């Protein structure tokens, strides 16, 4: 099994935030996704199988 890299990038146009209740803690939690500059940020990969 190898890593497949694509020749394109994408980023968010604006900040996106979510809030909710933690599954295990029951406490209020929040997360924010912030646009990143080109060639920086976090890479997400989807593995099916």
N, C-alpha and C. Protein backbone atom coordinates (compact mmCIF):
# COMPACT_ATOMS: atom_id res chain seq x y z
N UNK A 1 0.86 -1.18 0.00
CA UNK A 1 0.00 0.00 0.00
C UNK A 1 0.90 1.23 0.00
N UNK A 2 0.62 2.19 -0.87
CA UNK A 2 1.42 3.39 -0.96
C UNK A 2 0.59 4.64 -0.74
N UNK A 3 1.25 5.76 -0.81
CA UNK A 3 0.60 7.05 -0.65
C UNK A 3 0.37 7.64 -2.03
N UNK A 4 -0.83 8.10 -2.27
CA UNK A 4 -1.16 8.74 -3.54
C UNK A 4 -1.35 10.23 -3.28
N UNK A 5 -0.53 11.05 -3.93
CA UNK A 5 -0.65 12.49 -3.79
C UNK A 5 -1.26 13.07 -5.06
N UNK A 6 -2.16 14.00 -4.89
CA UNK A 6 -2.79 14.64 -6.04
C UNK A 6 -2.07 15.96 -6.33
N UNK A 7 -2.17 16.42 -7.56
CA UNK A 7 -1.48 17.64 -7.97
C UNK A 7 -2.30 18.89 -7.74
N UNK A 8 -3.31 18.83 -6.90
CA UNK A 8 -4.12 20.02 -6.65
C UNK A 8 -4.27 20.24 -5.16
N UNK A 9 -4.61 21.47 -4.82
CA UNK A 9 -4.84 21.84 -3.43
C UNK A 9 -6.15 22.61 -3.37
N UNK A 10 -6.73 22.64 -2.19
CA UNK A 10 -7.92 23.45 -1.98
C UNK A 10 -7.91 23.93 -0.54
N UNK A 11 -8.58 25.02 -0.28
CA UNK A 11 -8.66 25.53 1.08
C UNK A 11 -10.04 26.12 1.30
N UNK A 12 -10.33 26.45 2.52
CA UNK A 12 -11.60 27.07 2.86
C UNK A 12 -11.59 28.52 2.42
N UNK A 13 -12.75 29.03 2.07
CA UNK A 13 -12.86 30.44 1.72
C UNK A 13 -12.92 31.30 2.98
N UNK A 14 -13.63 30.83 3.99
CA UNK A 14 -13.75 31.54 5.26
C UNK A 14 -13.65 30.54 6.41
N UNK A 15 -13.52 31.07 7.61
CA UNK A 15 -13.46 30.24 8.82
C UNK A 15 -14.76 29.45 8.98
N UNK A 16 -14.65 28.21 9.43
CA UNK A 16 -15.82 27.38 9.72
C UNK A 16 -15.69 26.86 11.14
N UNK A 17 -16.73 27.01 11.94
CA UNK A 17 -16.70 26.58 13.34
C UNK A 17 -17.89 25.68 13.64
N UNK A 18 -17.66 24.72 14.53
CA UNK A 18 -18.71 23.80 14.97
C UNK A 18 -18.68 23.74 16.49
N UNK A 19 -19.84 23.61 17.10
CA UNK A 19 -19.93 23.40 18.54
C UNK A 19 -20.91 22.26 18.80
N UNK A 20 -20.73 21.62 19.93
CA UNK A 20 -21.62 20.51 20.28
C UNK A 20 -21.27 19.96 21.64
N UNK A 21 -21.76 18.79 21.93
CA UNK A 21 -21.53 18.12 23.21
C UNK A 21 -20.58 16.95 22.99
N UNK A 22 -19.52 16.88 23.80
CA UNK A 22 -18.56 15.79 23.70
C UNK A 22 -19.23 14.45 23.99
N UNK A 23 -18.95 13.47 23.16
CA UNK A 23 -19.58 12.15 23.28
C UNK A 23 -19.26 11.50 24.61
N UNK A 24 -18.00 11.53 25.02
CA UNK A 24 -17.59 10.84 26.25
C UNK A 24 -17.59 11.74 27.47
N UNK A 25 -17.29 13.04 27.28
CA UNK A 25 -17.20 13.94 28.42
C UNK A 25 -18.53 14.58 28.78
N UNK A 26 -19.41 14.74 27.80
CA UNK A 26 -20.67 15.43 28.04
C UNK A 26 -20.50 16.93 28.14
N UNK A 27 -19.27 17.43 27.97
CA UNK A 27 -18.99 18.86 28.05
C UNK A 27 -19.16 19.51 26.69
N UNK A 28 -19.41 20.84 26.70
CA UNK A 28 -19.50 21.57 25.44
C UNK A 28 -18.12 21.64 24.79
N UNK A 29 -18.06 21.36 23.52
CA UNK A 29 -16.80 21.38 22.77
C UNK A 29 -16.99 22.22 21.51
N UNK A 30 -15.87 22.70 20.98
CA UNK A 30 -15.93 23.45 19.73
C UNK A 30 -14.65 23.22 18.94
N UNK A 31 -14.75 23.40 17.62
CA UNK A 31 -13.60 23.28 16.74
C UNK A 31 -13.75 24.32 15.64
N UNK A 32 -12.63 24.89 15.21
CA UNK A 32 -12.64 25.86 14.12
C UNK A 32 -11.65 25.43 13.05
N UNK A 33 -12.04 25.60 11.81
CA UNK A 33 -11.18 25.35 10.65
C UNK A 33 -10.91 26.71 10.02
N UNK A 34 -9.64 27.03 9.83
CA UNK A 34 -9.25 28.35 9.34
C UNK A 34 -8.52 28.19 8.01
N UNK A 35 -8.80 29.04 7.01
CA UNK A 35 -8.10 28.96 5.74
C UNK A 35 -6.59 29.05 5.94
N UNK A 36 -5.84 28.32 5.12
CA UNK A 36 -4.38 28.31 5.21
C UNK A 36 -3.78 28.85 3.91
N UNK A 37 -2.55 29.32 4.00
CA UNK A 37 -1.83 29.76 2.81
C UNK A 37 -1.50 28.55 1.94
N UNK A 38 -1.20 28.80 0.68
CA UNK A 38 -0.83 27.73 -0.24
C UNK A 38 0.40 26.98 0.28
N UNK A 39 0.42 25.68 0.06
CA UNK A 39 1.53 24.80 0.46
C UNK A 39 1.72 24.71 1.98
N UNK A 40 0.66 24.99 2.75
CA UNK A 40 0.71 24.85 4.21
C UNK A 40 -0.58 24.19 4.66
N UNK A 41 -0.70 23.98 5.95
CA UNK A 41 -1.95 23.45 6.50
C UNK A 41 -1.90 21.96 6.76
N UNK A 42 -3.08 21.37 6.88
CA UNK A 42 -3.22 19.96 7.24
C UNK A 42 -3.77 19.20 6.04
N UNK A 43 -3.28 18.00 5.85
CA UNK A 43 -3.75 17.13 4.77
C UNK A 43 -4.67 16.08 5.38
N UNK A 44 -5.85 15.91 4.82
CA UNK A 44 -6.79 14.88 5.25
C UNK A 44 -6.80 13.78 4.21
N UNK A 45 -6.76 12.54 4.67
CA UNK A 45 -6.80 11.41 3.76
C UNK A 45 -7.95 10.50 4.15
N UNK A 46 -8.60 9.91 3.15
CA UNK A 46 -9.69 8.98 3.37
C UNK A 46 -9.23 7.59 2.97
N UNK A 47 -9.34 6.66 3.90
CA UNK A 47 -8.98 5.27 3.64
C UNK A 47 -10.25 4.43 3.74
N UNK A 48 -10.61 3.78 2.67
CA UNK A 48 -11.77 2.88 2.66
C UNK A 48 -11.27 1.45 2.67
N UNK A 49 -11.78 0.67 3.61
CA UNK A 49 -11.39 -0.73 3.59
C UNK A 49 -11.07 -1.33 4.89
